[in-house]
């Protein structure tokens, strides 16, 4: 599984190495700005690791976006 991490607010991209999937999908409740609105989201944790680039400071809790490459074999499957 090929993936890369982009540090938000920068042009920095770091390649990621897939470790494993957590075996259970867990519920996560996200609240919007409106108090009455609730959205139920299911989350599948995917664990990656990376080697920290020498010229970049990264911190625990820093916001990043992770882009996972789609597998070629899933593109050709029949949608039925």
PDB file of N, CA and C in Angstrom:
ATOM      1  N   UNK A   1       0.860  -1.165   0.000  1.00  0.00           N
ATOM      2  CA  UNK A   1       0.000   0.000   0.000  1.00  0.00           C
ATOM      3  C   UNK A   1       0.908   1.230   0.000  1.00  0.00           C
ATOM      4  N   UNK A   2       0.842   2.015  -1.055  1.00  0.00           N
ATOM      5  CA  UNK A   2       1.648   3.222  -1.158  1.00  0.00           C
ATOM      6  C   UNK A   2       0.869   4.400  -0.610  1.00  0.00           C
ATOM      7  N   UNK A   3       1.544   5.203   0.207  1.00  0.00           N
ATOM      8  CA  UNK A   3       0.900   6.380   0.785  1.00  0.00           C
ATOM      9  C   UNK A   3       1.946   7.449   1.036  1.00  0.00           C
ATOM     10  N   UNK A   4       1.463   8.672   1.138  1.00  0.00           N
ATOM     11  CA  UNK A   4       2.345   9.764   1.510  1.00  0.00           C
ATOM     12  C   UNK A   4       1.601  10.749   2.396  1.00  0.00           C
ATOM     13  N   UNK A   5       2.369  11.427   3.212  1.00  0.00           N
ATOM     14  CA  UNK A   5       1.827  12.380   4.166  1.00  0.00           C
ATOM     15  C   UNK A   5       2.203  13.789   3.713  1.00  0.00           C
ATOM     16  N   UNK A   6       1.230  14.682   3.747  1.00  0.00           N
ATOM     17  CA  UNK A   6       1.476  16.087   3.427  1.00  0.00           C
ATOM     18  C   UNK A   6       1.237  16.898   4.691  1.00  0.00           C
ATOM     19  N   UNK A   7       2.242  17.672   5.087  1.00  0.00           N
ATOM     20  CA  UNK A   7       2.109  18.521   6.268  1.00  0.00           C
ATOM     21  C   UNK A   7       1.255  19.722   5.883  1.00  0.00           C
ATOM     22  N   UNK A   8       0.175  19.935   6.621  1.00  0.00           N
ATOM     23  CA  UNK A   8      -0.760  21.022   6.284  1.00  0.00           C
ATOM     24  C   UNK A   8      -0.070  22.373   6.329  1.00  0.00           C
ATOM     25  N   UNK A   9      -0.386  23.193   5.334  1.00  0.00           N
ATOM     26  CA  UNK A   9       0.161  24.542   5.259  1.00  0.00           C
ATOM     27  C   UNK A   9       1.541  24.615   4.645  1.00  0.00           C
ATOM     28  N   UNK A  10       2.059  23.482   4.164  1.00  0.00           N
ATOM     29  CA  UNK A  10       3.382  23.464   3.535  1.00  0.00           C
ATOM     30  C   UNK A  10       3.321  22.631   2.255  1.00  0.00           C
ATOM     31  N   UNK A  11       4.420  22.616   1.532  1.00  0.00           N
ATOM     32  CA  UNK A  11       4.540  21.764   0.341  1.00  0.00           C
ATOM     33  C   UNK A  11       5.311  20.489   0.652  1.00  0.00           C
ATOM     34  N   UNK A  12       5.469  20.172   1.938  1.00  0.00           N
ATOM     35  CA  UNK A  12       6.263  19.024   2.365  1.00  0.00           C
ATOM     36  C   UNK A  12       5.449  17.738   2.228  1.00  0.00           C
ATOM     37  N   UNK A  13       6.042  16.750   1.565  1.00  0.00           N
ATOM     38  CA  UNK A  13       5.420  15.419   1.431  1.00  0.00           C
ATOM     39  C   UNK A  13       6.449  14.382   1.880  1.00  0.00           C
ATOM     40  N   UNK A  14       5.974  13.435   2.675  1.00  0.00           N
ATOM     41  CA  UNK A  14       6.844  12.396   3.230  1.00  0.00           C
ATOM     42  C   UNK A  14       6.249  11.036   2.880  1.00  0.00           C
ATOM     43  N   UNK A  15       7.040  10.123   2.295  1.00  0.00           N
ATOM     44  CA  UNK A  15       6.512   8.784   1.995  1.00  0.00           C
ATOM     45  C   UNK A  15       6.256   8.007   3.286  1.00  0.00           C
ATOM     46  N   UNK A  16       5.187   7.192   3.268  1.00  0.00           N
ATOM     47  CA  UNK A  16       4.803   6.405   4.428  1.00  0.00           C
ATOM     48  C   UNK A  16       4.942   4.920   4.130  1.00  0.00           C
ATOM     49  N   UNK A  17       5.233   4.152   5.174  1.00  0.00           N
ATOM     50  CA  UNK A  17       5.318   2.696   5.063  1.00  0.00           C
ATOM     51  C   UNK A  17       4.157   2.085   5.840  1.00  0.00           C
ATOM     52  N   UNK A  18       3.361   1.260   5.164  1.00  0.00           N
ATOM     53  CA  UNK A  18       2.206   0.626   5.788  1.00  0.00           C
ATOM     54  C   UNK A  18       2.664  -0.357   6.856  1.00  0.00           C
ATOM     55  N   UNK A  19       2.013  -0.309   8.034  1.00  0.00           N
ATOM     56  CA  UNK A  19       2.304  -1.239   9.117  1.00  0.00           C
ATOM     57  C   UNK A  19       1.182  -2.268   9.227  1.00  0.00           C
ATOM     58  N   UNK A  20      -0.045  -1.802   9.535  1.00  0.00           N
ATOM     59  CA  UNK A  20      -1.172  -2.719   9.664  1.00  0.00           C
ATOM     60  C   UNK A  20      -2.480  -1.951   9.783  1.00  0.00           C
ATOM     61  N   UNK A  21      -3.570  -2.679   9.606  1.00  0.00           N
ATOM     62  CA  UNK A  21      -4.913  -2.158   9.868  1.00  0.00           C
ATOM     63  C   UNK A  21      -5.320  -2.590  11.262  1.00  0.00           C
ATOM     64  N   UNK A  22      -5.997  -1.721  11.996  1.00  0.00           N
ATOM     65  CA  UNK A  22      -6.596  -2.138  13.261  1.00  0.00           C
ATOM     66  C   UNK A  22      -7.772  -3.023  12.914  1.00  0.00           C
ATOM     67  N   UNK A  23      -8.032  -4.085  13.657  1.00  0.00           N
ATOM     68  CA  UNK A  23      -9.035  -5.062  13.235  1.00  0.00           C
ATOM     69  C   UNK A  23     -10.490  -4.624  13.357  1.00  0.00           C
ATOM     70  N   UNK A  24     -10.768  -3.519  14.014  1.00  0.00           N
ATOM     71  CA  UNK A  24     -12.167  -3.125  14.232  1.00  0.00           C
ATOM     72  C   UNK A  24     -12.442  -1.718  13.751  1.00  0.00           C
ATOM     73  N   UNK A  25     -13.619  -1.544  13.153  1.00  0.00           N
ATOM     74  CA  UNK A  25     -14.095  -0.209  12.793  1.00  0.00           C
ATOM     75  C   UNK A  25     -14.765   0.358  14.040  1.00  0.00           C
ATOM     76  N   UNK A  26     -14.390   1.570  14.403  1.00  0.00           N
ATOM     77  CA  UNK A  26     -14.945   2.153  15.623  1.00  0.00           C
ATOM     78  C   UNK A  26     -15.764   3.404  15.298  1.00  0.00           C
ATOM     79  N   UNK A  27     -16.818   3.649  16.085  1.00  0.00           N
ATOM     80  CA  UNK A  27     -17.605   4.859  15.856  1.00  0.00           C
ATOM     81  C   UNK A  27     -16.865   6.098  16.369  1.00  0.00           C
ATOM     82  N   UNK A  28     -17.033   7.182  15.656  1.00  0.00           N
ATOM     83  CA  UNK A  28     -16.455   8.452  16.068  1.00  0.00           C
ATOM     84  C   UNK A  28     -17.510   9.514  15.828  1.00  0.00           C
ATOM     85  N   UNK A  29     -17.825  10.280  16.829  1.00  0.00           N
ATOM     86  CA  UNK A  29     -18.854  11.309  16.701  1.00  0.00           C
ATOM     87  C   UNK A  29     -18.165  12.649  16.470  1.00  0.00           C
ATOM     88  N   UNK A  30     -18.535  13.298  15.397  1.00  0.00           N
ATOM     89  CA  UNK A  30     -18.006  14.623  15.104  1.00  0.00           C
ATOM     90  C   UNK A  30     -19.146  15.626  15.228  1.00  0.00           C
ATOM     91  N   UNK A  31     -18.880  16.720  15.899  1.00  0.00           N
ATOM     92  CA  UNK A  31     -19.885  17.758  16.046  1.00  0.00           C
ATOM     93  C   UNK A  31     -19.498  18.954  15.188  1.00  0.00           C
ATOM     94  N   UNK A  32     -20.488  19.524  14.511  1.00  0.00           N
ATOM     95  CA  UNK A  32     -20.241  20.725  13.708  1.00  0.00           C
ATOM     96  C   UNK A  32     -20.408  21.947  14.602  1.00  0.00           C
ATOM     97  N   UNK A  33     -20.480  23.099  13.994  1.00  0.00           N
ATOM     98  CA  UNK A  33     -20.654  24.331  14.757  1.00  0.00           C
ATOM     99  C   UNK A  33     -22.049  24.450  15.360  1.00  0.00           C
ATOM    100  N   UNK A  34     -23.017  23.704  14.838  1.00  0.00           N
ATOM    101  CA  UNK A  34     -24.372  23.752  15.366  1.00  0.00           C
ATOM    102  C   UNK A  34     -24.524  22.711  16.461  1.00  0.00           C
ATOM    103  N   UNK A  35     -25.099  23.113  17.568  1.00  0.00           N
ATOM    104  CA  UNK A  35     -25.232  22.203  18.706  1.00  0.00           C
ATOM    105  C   UNK A  35     -26.169  21.041  18.426  1.00  0.00           C
ATOM    106  N   UNK A  36     -27.173  21.263  17.605  1.00  0.00           N
ATOM    107  CA  UNK A  36     -28.169  20.216  17.364  1.00  0.00           C
ATOM    108  C   UNK A  36     -27.714  19.174  16.345  1.00  0.00           C
ATOM    109  N   UNK A  37     -26.642  19.442  15.613  1.00  0.00           N
ATOM    110  CA  UNK A  37     -26.217  18.541  14.541  1.00  0.00           C
ATOM    111  C   UNK A  37     -25.168  17.542  15.039  1.00  0.00           C
ATOM    112  N   UNK A  38     -25.423  16.269  14.769  1.00  0.00           N
ATOM    113  CA  UNK A  38     -24.453  15.209  15.063  1.00  0.00           C
ATOM    114  C   UNK A  38     -24.280  14.345  13.829  1.00  0.00           C
ATOM    115  N   UNK A  39     -23.055  13.968  13.566  1.00  0.00           N
ATOM    116  CA  UNK A  39     -22.758  13.120  12.422  1.00  0.00           C
ATOM    117  C   UNK A  39     -22.062  11.873  12.952  1.00  0.00           C
ATOM    118  N   UNK A  40     -22.601  10.708  12.613  1.00  0.00           N
ATOM    119  CA  UNK A  40     -21.984   9.457  13.038  1.00  0.00           C
ATOM    120  C   UNK A  40     -21.020   9.001  11.954  1.00  0.00           C
ATOM    121  N   UNK A  41     -19.763   8.865  12.301  1.00  0.00           N
ATOM    122  CA  UNK A  41     -18.723   8.497  11.349  1.00  0.00           C
ATOM    123  C   UNK A  41     -18.072   7.201  11.833  1.00  0.00           C
ATOM    124  N   UNK A  42     -17.853   6.265  10.925  1.00  0.00           N
ATOM    125  CA  UNK A  42     -17.127   5.033  11.253  1.00  0.00           C
ATOM    126  C   UNK A  42     -15.672   5.214  10.824  1.00  0.00           C
ATOM    127  N   UNK A  43     -14.765   4.806  11.682  1.00  0.00           N
ATOM    128  CA  UNK A  43     -13.341   5.028  11.451  1.00  0.00           C
ATOM    129  C   UNK A  43     -12.612   3.690  11.435  1.00  0.00           C
ATOM    130  N   UNK A  44     -11.795   3.477  10.394  1.00  0.00           N
ATOM    131  CA  UNK A  44     -10.931   2.306  10.310  1.00  0.00           C
ATOM    132  C   UNK A  44      -9.493   2.791  10.472  1.00  0.00           C
ATOM    133  N   UNK A  45      -8.885   2.543  11.636  1.00  0.00           N
ATOM    134  CA  UNK A  45      -7.504   3.002  11.839  1.00  0.00           C
ATOM    135  C   UNK A  45      -6.523   2.241  10.949  1.00  0.00           C
ATOM    136  N   UNK A  46      -5.669   2.979  10.261  1.00  0.00           N
ATOM    137  CA  UNK A  46      -4.607   2.423   9.428  1.00  0.00           C
ATOM    138  C   UNK A  46      -3.298   2.977   9.969  1.00  0.00           C
ATOM    139  N   UNK A  47      -2.362   2.098  10.296  1.00  0.00           N
ATOM    140  CA  UNK A  47      -1.101   2.530  10.894  1.00  0.00           C
ATOM    141  C   UNK A  47       0.011   2.554   9.856  1.00  0.00           C
ATOM    142  N   UNK A  48       0.718   3.678   9.815  1.00  0.00           N
ATOM    143  CA  UNK A  48       1.869   3.871   8.942  1.00  0.00           C
ATOM    144  C   UNK A  48       3.047   4.315   9.793  1.00  0.00           C
ATOM    145  N   UNK A  49       4.247   4.157   9.241  1.00  0.00           N
ATOM    146  CA  UNK A  49       5.434   4.731   9.867  1.00  0.00           C
ATOM    147  C   UNK A  49       6.238   5.444   8.796  1.00  0.00           C
ATOM    148  N   UNK A  50       7.136   6.314   9.242  1.00  0.00           N
ATOM    149  CA  UNK A  50       7.993   7.038   8.302  1.00  0.00           C
ATOM    150  C   UNK A  50       9.296   7.388   8.986  1.00  0.00           C
ATOM    151  N   UNK A  51      10.308   7.617   8.166  1.00  0.00           N
ATOM    152  CA  UNK A  51      11.573   8.121   8.675  1.00  0.00           C
ATOM    153  C   UNK A  51      11.514   9.633   8.633  1.00  0.00           C
ATOM    154  N   UNK A  52      11.820  10.250   9.767  1.00  0.00           N
ATOM    155  CA  UNK A  52      11.749  11.707   9.849  1.00  0.00           C
ATOM    156  C   UNK A  52      12.837  12.339   8.982  1.00  0.00           C
ATOM    157  N   UNK A  53      12.408  13.176   8.034  1.00  0.00           N
ATOM    158  CA  UNK A  53      13.406  13.886   7.217  1.00  0.00           C
ATOM    159  C   UNK A  53      14.251  14.807   8.102  1.00  0.00           C
ATOM    160  N   UNK A  54      15.524  14.919   7.783  1.00  0.00           N
ATOM    161  CA  UNK A  54      16.443  15.703   8.614  1.00  0.00           C
ATOM    162  C   UNK A  54      16.148  17.198   8.604  1.00  0.00           C
ATOM    163  N   UNK A  55      15.612  17.700   7.501  1.00  0.00           N
ATOM    164  CA  UNK A  55      15.420  19.141   7.359  1.00  0.00           C
ATOM    165  C   UNK A  55      14.026  19.620   7.762  1.00  0.00           C
ATOM    166  N   UNK A  56      13.219  18.757   8.411  1.00  0.00           N
ATOM    167  CA  UNK A  56      11.834  19.101   8.736  1.00  0.00           C
ATOM    168  C   UNK A  56      11.584  18.864  10.220  1.00  0.00           C
ATOM    169  N   UNK A  57      10.904  19.812  10.877  1.00  0.00           N
ATOM    170  CA  UNK A  57      10.474  19.631  12.251  1.00  0.00           C
ATOM    171  C   UNK A  57       9.029  19.146  12.251  1.00  0.00           C
ATOM    172  N   UNK A  58       8.779  17.986  12.816  1.00  0.00           N
ATOM    173  CA  UNK A  58       7.433  17.448  12.973  1.00  0.00           C
ATOM    174  C   UNK A  58       7.162  17.243  14.452  1.00  0.00           C
ATOM    175  N   UNK A  59       5.904  17.482  14.860  1.00  0.00           N
ATOM    176  CA  UNK A  59       5.541  17.409  16.258  1.00  0.00           C
ATOM    177  C   UNK A  59       4.343  16.485  16.459  1.00  0.00           C
ATOM    178  N   UNK A  60       4.264  15.796  17.603  1.00  0.00           N
ATOM    179  CA  UNK A  60       3.079  14.984  17.897  1.00  0.00           C
ATOM    180  C   UNK A  60       1.826  15.855  17.890  1.00  0.00           C
ATOM    181  N   UNK A  61       0.775  15.377  17.238  1.00  0.00           N
ATOM    182  CA  UNK A  61      -0.474  16.128  17.162  1.00  0.00           C
ATOM    183  C   UNK A  61      -0.540  17.114  16.016  1.00  0.00           C
ATOM    184  N   UNK A  62       0.541  17.253  15.259  1.00  0.00           N
ATOM    185  CA  UNK A  62       0.554  18.170  14.117  1.00  0.00           C
ATOM    186  C   UNK A  62      -0.399  17.650  13.045  1.00  0.00           C
ATOM    187  N   UNK A  63      -1.162  18.559  12.434  1.00  0.00           N
ATOM    188  CA  UNK A  63      -2.132  18.154  11.422  1.00  0.00           C
ATOM    189  C   UNK A  63      -1.438  17.838  10.098  1.00  0.00           C
ATOM    190  N   UNK A  64      -1.772  16.666   9.570  1.00  0.00           N
ATOM    191  CA  UNK A  64      -1.248  16.231   8.280  1.00  0.00           C
ATOM    192  C   UNK A  64      -2.390  15.611   7.486  1.00  0.00           C
ATOM    193  N   UNK A  65      -2.225  15.548   6.191  1.00  0.00           N
ATOM    194  CA  UNK A  65      -3.157  14.837   5.317  1.00  0.00           C
ATOM    195  C   UNK A  65      -2.421  13.638   4.765  1.00  0.00           C
ATOM    196  N   UNK A  66      -3.105  12.486   4.740  1.00  0.00           N
ATOM    197  CA  UNK A  66      -2.501  11.266   4.235  1.00  0.00           C
ATOM    198  C   UNK A  66      -3.220  10.867   2.958  1.00  0.00           C
ATOM    199  N   UNK A  67      -2.443  10.634   1.915  1.00  0.00           N
ATOM    200  CA  UNK A  67      -2.976  10.230   0.621  1.00  0.00           C
ATOM    201  C   UNK A  67      -2.552   8.791   0.363  1.00  0.00           C
ATOM    202  N   UNK A  68      -3.549   7.909   0.191  1.00  0.00           N
ATOM    203  CA  UNK A  68      -3.286   6.500  -0.055  1.00  0.00           C
ATOM    204  C   UNK A  68      -3.570   6.216  -1.517  1.00  0.00           C
ATOM    205  N   UNK A  69      -2.594   5.620  -2.195  1.00  0.00           N
ATOM    206  CA  UNK A  69      -2.723   5.314  -3.612  1.00  0.00           C
ATOM    207  C   UNK A  69      -3.720   4.185  -3.815  1.00  0.00           C
ATOM    208  N   UNK A  70      -4.573   4.330  -4.817  1.00  0.00           N
ATOM    209  CA  UNK A  70      -5.539   3.283  -5.129  1.00  0.00           C
ATOM    210  C   UNK A  70      -4.827   2.135  -5.822  1.00  0.00           C
ATOM    211  N   UNK A  71      -5.192   0.923  -5.447  1.00  0.00           N
ATOM    212  CA  UNK A  71      -4.591  -0.269  -6.025  1.00  0.00           C
ATOM    213  C   UNK A  71      -5.110  -0.463  -7.445  1.00  0.00           C
ATOM    214  N   UNK A  72      -4.239  -0.828  -8.366  1.00  0.00           N
ATOM    215  CA  UNK A  72      -4.632  -1.034  -9.769  1.00  0.00           C
ATOM    216  C   UNK A  72      -5.732  -2.080  -9.909  1.00  0.00           C
ATOM    217  N   UNK A  73      -5.680  -3.148  -9.119  1.00  0.00           N
ATOM    218  CA  UNK A  73      -6.656  -4.233  -9.265  1.00  0.00           C
ATOM    219  C   UNK A  73      -8.061  -3.800  -8.867  1.00  0.00           C
ATOM    220  N   UNK A  74      -8.196  -2.786  -8.001  1.00  0.00           N
ATOM    221  CA  UNK A  74      -9.535  -2.328  -7.619  1.00  0.00           C
ATOM    222  C   UNK A  74     -10.169  -1.485  -8.715  1.00  0.00           C
ATOM    223  N   UNK A  75      -9.360  -0.923  -9.610  1.00  0.00           N
ATOM    224  CA  UNK A  75      -9.899  -0.108 -10.695  1.00  0.00           C
ATOM    225  C   UNK A  75     -10.645  -0.944 -11.724  1.00  0.00           C
ATOM    226  N   UNK A  76     -10.242  -2.191 -11.894  1.00  0.00           N
ATOM    227  CA  UNK A  76     -10.771  -3.030 -12.948  1.00  0.00           C
ATOM    228  C   UNK A  76     -11.886  -3.953 -12.500  1.00  0.00           C
ATOM    229  N   UNK A  77     -12.310  -3.872 -11.251  1.00  0.00           N
ATOM    230  CA  UNK A  77     -13.363  -4.759 -10.764  1.00  0.00           C
ATOM    231  C   UNK A  77     -14.726  -4.350 -11.298  1.00  0.00           C
ATOM    232  N   UNK A  78     -15.569  -5.346 -11.506  1.00  0.00           N
ATOM    233  CA  UNK A  78     -16.936  -5.132 -11.955  1.00  0.00           C
ATOM    234  C   UNK A  78     -17.744  -4.528 -10.800  1.00  0.00           C
ATOM    235  N   UNK A  79     -18.433  -3.408 -10.987  1.00  0.00           N
ATOM    236  CA  UNK A  79     -19.117  -2.725  -9.875  1.00  0.00           C
ATOM    237  C   UNK A  79     -20.350  -3.442  -9.370  1.00  0.00           C
ATOM    238  N   UNK A  80     -20.732  -4.574  -9.943  1.00  0.00           N
ATOM    239  CA  UNK A  80     -21.937  -5.284  -9.488  1.00  0.00           C
ATOM    240  C   UNK A  80     -21.761  -5.823  -8.152  1.00  0.00           C
TER     241      UNK A  80
END
